[in-house]
Amino acid sequence: MIKAAYEKFLLPKLLDTCCSTKPIQYQRKKIVPQAKGTVLEIGVGSGLNIPFYEKKDIHKIYGLDPSEELCEMARKTAENNQLKIDFLINGAEEIELPSNSIDTVLITYTLCTIPNPNDALKEIKRVMRSDARILFCEHGTAPDKNIVKWQNRINPLWGKLFGGCNINRDIPNILVSAGFKIKNLDQMYLPSTPKIVGYNYWGNAST
């Protein structure tokens, strides 16, 4: 009962706060405006990407997230930004959209949390058109062995506190292993962010 209350009432606000720091918002500003056409945002969360969409380039947006509480927060943000979003309350392993229907898939700070990222990426690939792109911005395993050691030590507790988030996933390898071709990749430690959670990967990939 305590766990359920935490996940329903406290966790959504905690995730919103942690994922809206200035360095992370700056990262969102780099990647979100590239979205075009019919967009599927995986892990729409509380809607932190919404202010950065270029409305003139968007035909339609689907926002997918398993949390009803986070989707409700995102719905209010969308209304405040005069942006229409169709919300899909579900995990990425099963996406209730037709095959070959999406131009852009946006994934920010979400691959760290999906329980089975390979299954999710297989389903994402199904809904993407042949010329579609994945735009991604994620935190993950660091290049420094000492930091990785601490990431691995802390990860089990971190996941319990932050809704299944993993701080030690190799994001580029996850994408490539799922059959995606990375077209552009940048990476660095975010400023003013603890290194165990601050190593970021961002770029785009295609099928």
C-alpha atoms as a PDB file:
ATOM      1  CA  MET A   1       0.000   0.000   0.000  1.00  0.00           C
ATOM      2  CA  ILE A   2       2.865   2.389   0.851  1.00  0.00           C
ATOM      3  CA  LYS A   3       4.590   1.578  -2.449  1.00  0.00           C
ATOM      4  CA  ALA A   4       1.366   2.177  -4.400  1.00  0.00           C
ATOM      5  CA  ALA A   5       0.817   5.524  -2.680  1.00  0.00           C
ATOM      6  CA  TYR A   6       4.429   6.542  -3.368  1.00  0.00           C
ATOM      7  CA  GLU A   7       4.135   5.653  -7.067  1.00  0.00           C
ATOM      8  CA  LYS A   8       0.776   7.404  -7.433  1.00  0.00           C
ATOM      9  CA  PHE A   9       1.273  10.610  -5.459  1.00  0.00           C
ATOM     10  CA  LEU A  10       4.964  11.272  -4.813  1.00  0.00           C
ATOM     11  CA  LEU A  11       6.864   9.673  -7.694  1.00  0.00           C
ATOM     12  CA  PRO A  12       5.251  11.727 -10.519  1.00  0.00           C
ATOM     13  CA  LYS A  13       6.207  15.000  -8.792  1.00  0.00           C
ATOM     14  CA  LEU A  14       9.689  13.700  -7.999  1.00  0.00           C
ATOM     15  CA  LEU A  15      10.296  12.679 -11.606  1.00  0.00           C
ATOM     16  CA  ASP A  16       8.992  16.019 -12.850  1.00  0.00           C
ATOM     17  CA  THR A  17      11.420  17.867 -10.572  1.00  0.00           C
ATOM     18  CA  CYS A  18      14.454  15.698 -11.362  1.00  0.00           C
ATOM     19  CA  CYS A  19      13.851  15.793 -15.118  1.00  0.00           C
ATOM     20  CA  SER A  20      13.373  19.548 -15.317  1.00  0.00           C
ATOM     21  CA  THR A  21      16.766  20.838 -14.179  1.00  0.00           C
ATOM     22  CA  LYS A  22      18.318  23.572 -16.321  1.00  0.00           C
ATOM     23  CA  PRO A  23      20.955  21.290 -17.925  1.00  0.00           C
ATOM     24  CA  ILE A  24      18.307  18.706 -18.867  1.00  0.00           C
ATOM     25  CA  GLN A  25      15.942  21.343 -20.213  1.00  0.00           C
ATOM     26  CA  TYR A  26      18.810  22.676 -22.321  1.00  0.00           C
ATOM     27  CA  GLN A  27      19.248  19.163 -23.750  1.00  0.00           C
ATOM     28  CA  ARG A  28      15.556  18.955 -24.580  1.00  0.00           C
ATOM     29  CA  LYS A  29      15.825  22.246 -26.439  1.00  0.00           C
ATOM     30  CA  LYS A  30      18.519  20.709 -28.664  1.00  0.00           C
ATOM     31  CA  ILE A  31      16.541  17.655 -29.742  1.00  0.00           C
ATOM     32  CA  VAL A  32      12.758  18.246 -29.517  1.00  0.00           C
ATOM     33  CA  PRO A  33      12.484  20.982 -32.203  1.00  0.00           C
ATOM     34  CA  GLN A  34      13.754  18.469 -34.770  1.00  0.00           C
ATOM     35  CA  ALA A  35      10.508  16.487 -34.545  1.00  0.00           C
ATOM     36  CA  LYS A  36       8.392  16.653 -37.711  1.00  0.00           C
ATOM     37  CA  GLY A  37       5.207  15.213 -39.176  1.00  0.00           C
ATOM     38  CA  THR A  38       3.282  12.654 -37.154  1.00  0.00           C
ATOM     39  CA  VAL A  39       5.174  12.294 -33.877  1.00  0.00           C
ATOM     40  CA  LEU A  40       5.134   9.581 -31.249  1.00  0.00           C
ATOM     41  CA  GLU A  41       6.706  10.638 -27.964  1.00  0.00           C
ATOM     42  CA  ILE A  42       7.701   7.612 -25.899  1.00  0.00           C
ATOM     43  CA  GLY A  43       7.530   8.386 -22.189  1.00  0.00           C
ATOM     44  CA  VAL A  44       5.787  11.732 -22.480  1.00  0.00           C
ATOM     45  CA  GLY A  45       5.864  11.906 -18.671  1.00  0.00           C
ATOM     46  CA  SER A  46       4.730  15.195 -17.208  1.00  0.00           C
ATOM     47  CA  GLY A  47       5.099  16.959 -20.560  1.00  0.00           C
ATOM     48  CA  LEU A  48       8.511  18.581 -20.139  1.00  0.00           C
ATOM     49  CA  ASN A  49       9.209  18.353 -23.894  1.00  0.00           C
ATOM     50  CA  ILE A  50       5.968  20.050 -24.891  1.00  0.00           C
ATOM     51  CA  PRO A  51       7.171  23.701 -24.848  1.00  0.00           C
ATOM     52  CA  PHE A  52      10.003  22.850 -27.260  1.00  0.00           C
ATOM     53  CA  TYR A  53       7.979  21.448 -30.162  1.00  0.00           C
ATOM     54  CA  GLU A  54       7.995  23.489 -33.379  1.00  0.00           C
ATOM     55  CA  LYS A  55       4.249  23.591 -33.996  1.00  0.00           C
ATOM     56  CA  LYS A  56       4.599  24.551 -37.651  1.00  0.00           C
ATOM     57  CA  ASP A  57       6.455  21.295 -38.377  1.00  0.00           C
ATOM     58  CA  ILE A  58       3.991  19.027 -36.538  1.00  0.00           C
ATOM     59  CA  HIS A  59       1.005  17.280 -38.069  1.00  0.00           C
ATOM     60  CA  LYS A  60      -0.030  15.206 -35.045  1.00  0.00           C
ATOM     61  CA  ILE A  61       1.460  14.136 -31.695  1.00  0.00           C
ATOM     62  CA  TYR A  62       0.850  10.947 -29.762  1.00  0.00           C
ATOM     63  CA  GLY A  63       2.136  10.936 -26.190  1.00  0.00           C
ATOM     64  CA  LEU A  64       2.675   7.480 -24.691  1.00  0.00           C
ATOM     65  CA  ASP A  65       3.237   6.785 -20.998  1.00  0.00           C
ATOM     66  CA  PRO A  66       2.050   4.057 -18.589  1.00  0.00           C
ATOM     67  CA  SER A  67       1.369   6.571 -15.805  1.00  0.00           C
ATOM     68  CA  GLU A  68      -2.089   8.133 -15.731  1.00  0.00           C
ATOM     69  CA  GLU A  69      -0.872  10.693 -13.197  1.00  0.00           C
ATOM     70  CA  LEU A  70       1.992  11.869 -15.428  1.00  0.00           C
ATOM     71  CA  CYS A  71      -0.255  11.957 -18.505  1.00  0.00           C
ATOM     72  CA  GLU A  72      -2.690  14.185 -16.631  1.00  0.00           C
ATOM     73  CA  MET A  73       0.161  16.577 -15.818  1.00  0.00           C
ATOM     74  CA  ALA A  74       1.215  16.514 -19.489  1.00  0.00           C
ATOM     75  CA  ARG A  75      -2.345  17.153 -20.637  1.00  0.00           C
ATOM     76  CA  LYS A  76      -2.451  20.393 -18.634  1.00  0.00           C
ATOM     77  CA  THR A  77       0.934  21.458 -20.026  1.00  0.00           C
ATOM     78  CA  ALA A  78      -0.289  20.757 -23.564  1.00  0.00           C
ATOM     79  CA  GLU A  79      -3.374  22.895 -22.982  1.00  0.00           C
ATOM     80  CA  ASN A  80      -1.240  25.725 -21.612  1.00  0.00           C
ATOM     81  CA  ASN A  81       0.938  25.535 -24.726  1.00  0.00           C
ATOM     82  CA  GLN A  82      -2.047  25.245 -27.084  1.00  0.00           C
ATOM     83  CA  LEU A  83      -0.791  21.933 -28.406  1.00  0.00           C
ATOM     84  CA  LYS A  84      -3.103  19.010 -29.110  1.00  0.00           C
ATOM     85  CA  ILE A  85      -1.759  15.627 -28.024  1.00  0.00           C
ATOM     86  CA  ASP A  86      -3.475  12.244 -28.138  1.00  0.00           C
ATOM     87  CA  PHE A  87      -2.401  10.375 -25.016  1.00  0.00           C
ATOM     88  CA  LEU A  88      -1.846   6.618 -24.999  1.00  0.00           C
ATOM     89  CA  ILE A  89      -1.684   5.272 -21.453  1.00  0.00           C
ATOM     90  CA  ASN A  90       0.416   2.183 -21.978  1.00  0.00           C
ATOM     91  CA  GLY A  91       3.948   0.832 -22.056  1.00  0.00           C
ATOM     92  CA  ALA A  92       6.089   0.997 -25.176  1.00  0.00           C
ATOM     93  CA  GLU A  93       6.061  -2.782 -25.564  1.00  0.00           C
ATOM     94  CA  GLU A  94       2.521  -2.520 -26.973  1.00  0.00           C
ATOM     95  CA  ILE A  95       1.686   0.597 -28.966  1.00  0.00           C
ATOM     96  CA  GLU A  96      -1.914   0.941 -30.123  1.00  0.00           C
ATOM     97  CA  LEU A  97      -1.067   2.572 -33.442  1.00  0.00           C
ATOM     98  CA  PRO A  98      -1.026   1.217 -37.006  1.00  0.00           C
ATOM     99  CA  SER A  99       2.197  -0.013 -38.573  1.00  0.00           C
ATOM    100  CA  ASN A 100       4.108   2.481 -40.744  1.00  0.00           C
ATOM    101  CA  SER A 101       2.238   5.487 -39.321  1.00  0.00           C
ATOM    102  CA  ILE A 102       4.894   7.582 -37.545  1.00  0.00           C
ATOM    103  CA  ASP A 103       7.381  10.076 -39.013  1.00  0.00           C
ATOM    104  CA  THR A 104       9.303  10.914 -35.838  1.00  0.00           C
ATOM    105  CA  VAL A 105       9.742   8.979 -32.605  1.00  0.00           C
ATOM    106  CA  LEU A 106      10.945  11.129 -29.717  1.00  0.00           C
ATOM    107  CA  ILE A 107      12.548   9.440 -26.709  1.00  0.00           C
ATOM    108  CA  THR A 108      14.028  11.554 -23.925  1.00  0.00           C
ATOM    109  CA  TYR A 109      15.125  10.165 -20.551  1.00  0.00           C
ATOM    110  CA  THR A 110      12.934   7.101 -21.067  1.00  0.00           C
ATOM    111  CA  LEU A 111      15.078   4.235 -22.397  1.00  0.00           C
ATOM    112  CA  CYS A 112      16.617   4.165 -18.939  1.00  0.00           C
ATOM    113  CA  THR A 113      13.286   3.107 -17.445  1.00  0.00           C
ATOM    114  CA  ILE A 114      11.610   0.798 -19.975  1.00  0.00           C
ATOM    115  CA  PRO A 115      11.784  -2.732 -18.461  1.00  0.00           C
ATOM    116  CA  ASN A 116      12.466  -4.460 -21.796  1.00  0.00           C
ATOM    117  CA  PRO A 117      13.981  -1.877 -24.144  1.00  0.00           C
ATOM    118  CA  ASN A 118      14.603  -4.368 -26.954  1.00  0.00           C
ATOM    119  CA  ASP A 119      10.926  -5.395 -27.013  1.00  0.00           C
ATOM    120  CA  ALA A 120       9.884  -1.747 -26.909  1.00  0.00           C
ATOM    121  CA  LEU A 121      12.218  -0.779 -29.749  1.00  0.00           C
ATOM    122  CA  LYS A 122      10.908  -3.664 -31.847  1.00  0.00           C
ATOM    123  CA  GLU A 123       7.389  -2.279 -31.399  1.00  0.00           C
ATOM    124  CA  ILE A 124       8.603   1.261 -32.074  1.00  0.00           C
ATOM    125  CA  LYS A 125      10.191   0.058 -35.308  1.00  0.00           C
ATOM    126  CA  ARG A 126       6.838  -1.444 -36.330  1.00  0.00           C
ATOM    127  CA  VAL A 127       4.997   1.882 -36.163  1.00  0.00           C
ATOM    128  CA  MET A 128       7.751   3.875 -37.912  1.00  0.00           C
ATOM    129  CA  ARG A 129       7.567   4.667 -41.608  1.00  0.00           C
ATOM    130  CA  SER A 130      10.503   3.563 -43.731  1.00  0.00           C
ATOM    131  CA  ASP A 131      12.010   7.068 -43.729  1.00  0.00           C
ATOM    132  CA  ALA A 132      11.164   7.853 -40.082  1.00  0.00           C
ATOM    133  CA  ARG A 133      13.707   8.868 -37.463  1.00  0.00           C
ATOM    134  CA  ILE A 134      14.178   8.305 -33.759  1.00  0.00           C
ATOM    135  CA  LEU A 135      15.303  11.416 -31.911  1.00  0.00           C
ATOM    136  CA  PHE A 136      16.851  10.461 -28.580  1.00  0.00           C
ATOM    137  CA  CYS A 137      18.359  12.152 -25.550  1.00  0.00           C
ATOM    138  CA  GLU A 138      19.226   9.859 -22.647  1.00  0.00           C
ATOM    139  CA  HIS A 139      21.493   9.500 -19.659  1.00  0.00           C
ATOM    140  CA  GLY A 140      23.480   6.304 -19.329  1.00  0.00           C
ATOM    141  CA  THR A 141      26.722   4.524 -18.643  1.00  0.00           C
ATOM    142  CA  ALA A 142      29.702   6.831 -18.275  1.00  0.00           C
ATOM    143  CA  PRO A 143      33.058   6.454 -20.091  1.00  0.00           C
ATOM    144  CA  ASP A 144      35.081   6.515 -16.843  1.00  0.00           C
ATOM    145  CA  LYS A 145      35.580   3.179 -15.095  1.00  0.00           C
ATOM    146  CA  ASN A 146      35.406   4.677 -11.620  1.00  0.00           C
ATOM    147  CA  ILE A 147      32.075   6.373 -12.378  1.00  0.00           C
ATOM    148  CA  VAL A 148      30.724   3.156 -13.918  1.00  0.00           C
ATOM    149  CA  LYS A 149      31.674   1.283 -10.755  1.00  0.00           C
ATOM    150  CA  TRP A 150      29.551   3.673  -8.702  1.00  0.00           C
ATOM    151  CA  GLN A 151      26.727   3.570 -11.237  1.00  0.00           C
ATOM    152  CA  ASN A 152      26.593  -0.215 -10.911  1.00  0.00           C
ATOM    153  CA  ARG A 153      26.667  -0.047  -7.113  1.00  0.00           C
ATOM    154  CA  ILE A 154      23.913   2.536  -6.812  1.00  0.00           C
ATOM    155  CA  ASN A 155      21.687   1.351  -9.667  1.00  0.00           C
ATOM    156  CA  PRO A 156      19.568  -1.201  -7.714  1.00  0.00           C
ATOM    157  CA  LEU A 157      18.565   1.364  -5.066  1.00  0.00           C
ATOM    158  CA  TRP A 158      18.197   4.128  -7.666  1.00  0.00           C
ATOM    159  CA  GLY A 159      15.707   2.046  -9.619  1.00  0.00           C
ATOM    160  CA  LYS A 160      13.541   1.470  -6.550  1.00  0.00           C
ATOM    161  CA  LEU A 161      13.418   5.178  -5.752  1.00  0.00           C
ATOM    162  CA  PHE A 162      12.941   6.501  -9.284  1.00  0.00           C
ATOM    163  CA  GLY A 163      10.346   4.265 -10.895  1.00  0.00           C
ATOM    164  CA  GLY A 164      12.655   1.670 -12.427  1.00  0.00           C
ATOM    165  CA  CYS A 165      15.206   4.138 -13.831  1.00  0.00           C
ATOM    166  CA  ASN A 166      18.608   2.625 -14.646  1.00  0.00           C
ATOM    167  CA  ILE A 167      21.670   4.882 -14.569  1.00  0.00           C
ATOM    168  CA  ASN A 168      24.061   2.401 -16.199  1.00  0.00           C
ATOM    169  CA  ARG A 169      22.516   1.500 -19.556  1.00  0.00           C
ATOM    170  CA  ASP A 170      24.605   1.693 -22.728  1.00  0.00           C
ATOM    171  CA  ILE A 171      22.143   3.701 -24.809  1.00  0.00           C
ATOM    172  CA  PRO A 172      23.924   3.556 -28.211  1.00  0.00           C
ATOM    173  CA  ASN A 173      24.407  -0.197 -27.875  1.00  0.00           C
ATOM    174  CA  ILE A 174      20.734  -0.700 -26.985  1.00  0.00           C
ATOM    175  CA  LEU A 175      19.673   1.126 -30.151  1.00  0.00           C
ATOM    176  CA  VAL A 176      22.131  -0.684 -32.402  1.00  0.00           C
ATOM    177  CA  SER A 177      21.285  -4.083 -30.895  1.00  0.00           C
ATOM    178  CA  ALA A 178      17.624  -3.435 -31.719  1.00  0.00           C
ATOM    179  CA  GLY A 179      18.519  -2.923 -35.382  1.00  0.00           C
ATOM    180  CA  PHE A 180      18.696   0.868 -35.580  1.00  0.00           C
ATOM    181  CA  LYS A 181      21.391   2.796 -37.424  1.00  0.00           C
ATOM    182  CA  ILE A 182      22.691   5.775 -35.452  1.00  0.00           C
ATOM    183  CA  LYS A 183      23.085   8.692 -37.855  1.00  0.00           C
ATOM    184  CA  ASN A 184      24.280  11.284 -35.374  1.00  0.00           C
ATOM    185  CA  LEU A 185      25.553  10.914 -31.816  1.00  0.00           C
ATOM    186  CA  ASP A 186      26.846  13.438 -29.289  1.00  0.00           C
ATOM    187  CA  GLN A 187      27.773  12.708 -25.706  1.00  0.00           C
ATOM    188  CA  MET A 188      29.081  14.498 -22.631  1.00  0.00           C
ATOM    189  CA  TYR A 189      28.705  14.995 -18.891  1.00  0.00           C
ATOM    190  CA  LEU A 190      26.026  17.578 -18.177  1.00  0.00           C
ATOM    191  CA  PRO A 191      27.207  20.567 -16.143  1.00  0.00           C
ATOM    192  CA  SER A 192      26.022  20.991 -12.553  1.00  0.00           C
ATOM    193  CA  THR A 193      24.878  17.349 -12.497  1.00  0.00           C
ATOM    194  CA  PRO A 194      26.286  14.426 -10.470  1.00  0.00           C
ATOM    195  CA  LYS A 195      28.413  12.329 -12.813  1.00  0.00           C
ATOM    196  CA  ILE A 196      26.667   9.069 -11.941  1.00  0.00           C
ATOM    197  CA  VAL A 197      23.470  10.408 -13.551  1.00  0.00           C
ATOM    198  CA  GLY A 198      24.921  13.122 -15.753  1.00  0.00           C
ATOM    199  CA  TYR A 199      26.468  11.381 -18.751  1.00  0.00           C
ATOM    200  CA  ASN A 200      24.201  12.142 -21.722  1.00  0.00           C
ATOM    201  CA  TYR A 201      23.835  10.665 -25.188  1.00  0.00           C
ATOM    202  CA  TRP A 202      21.768  12.454 -27.844  1.00  0.00           C
ATOM    203  CA  GLY A 203      21.248  12.257 -31.575  1.00  0.00           C
ATOM    204  CA  ASN A 204      19.081  10.469 -34.127  1.00  0.00           C
ATOM    205  CA  ALA A 205      18.738   7.026 -35.617  1.00  0.00           C
ATOM    206  CA  SER A 206      16.843   5.302 -38.428  1.00  0.00           C
ATOM    207  CA  THR A 207      15.765   1.779 -39.261  1.00  0.00           C
END
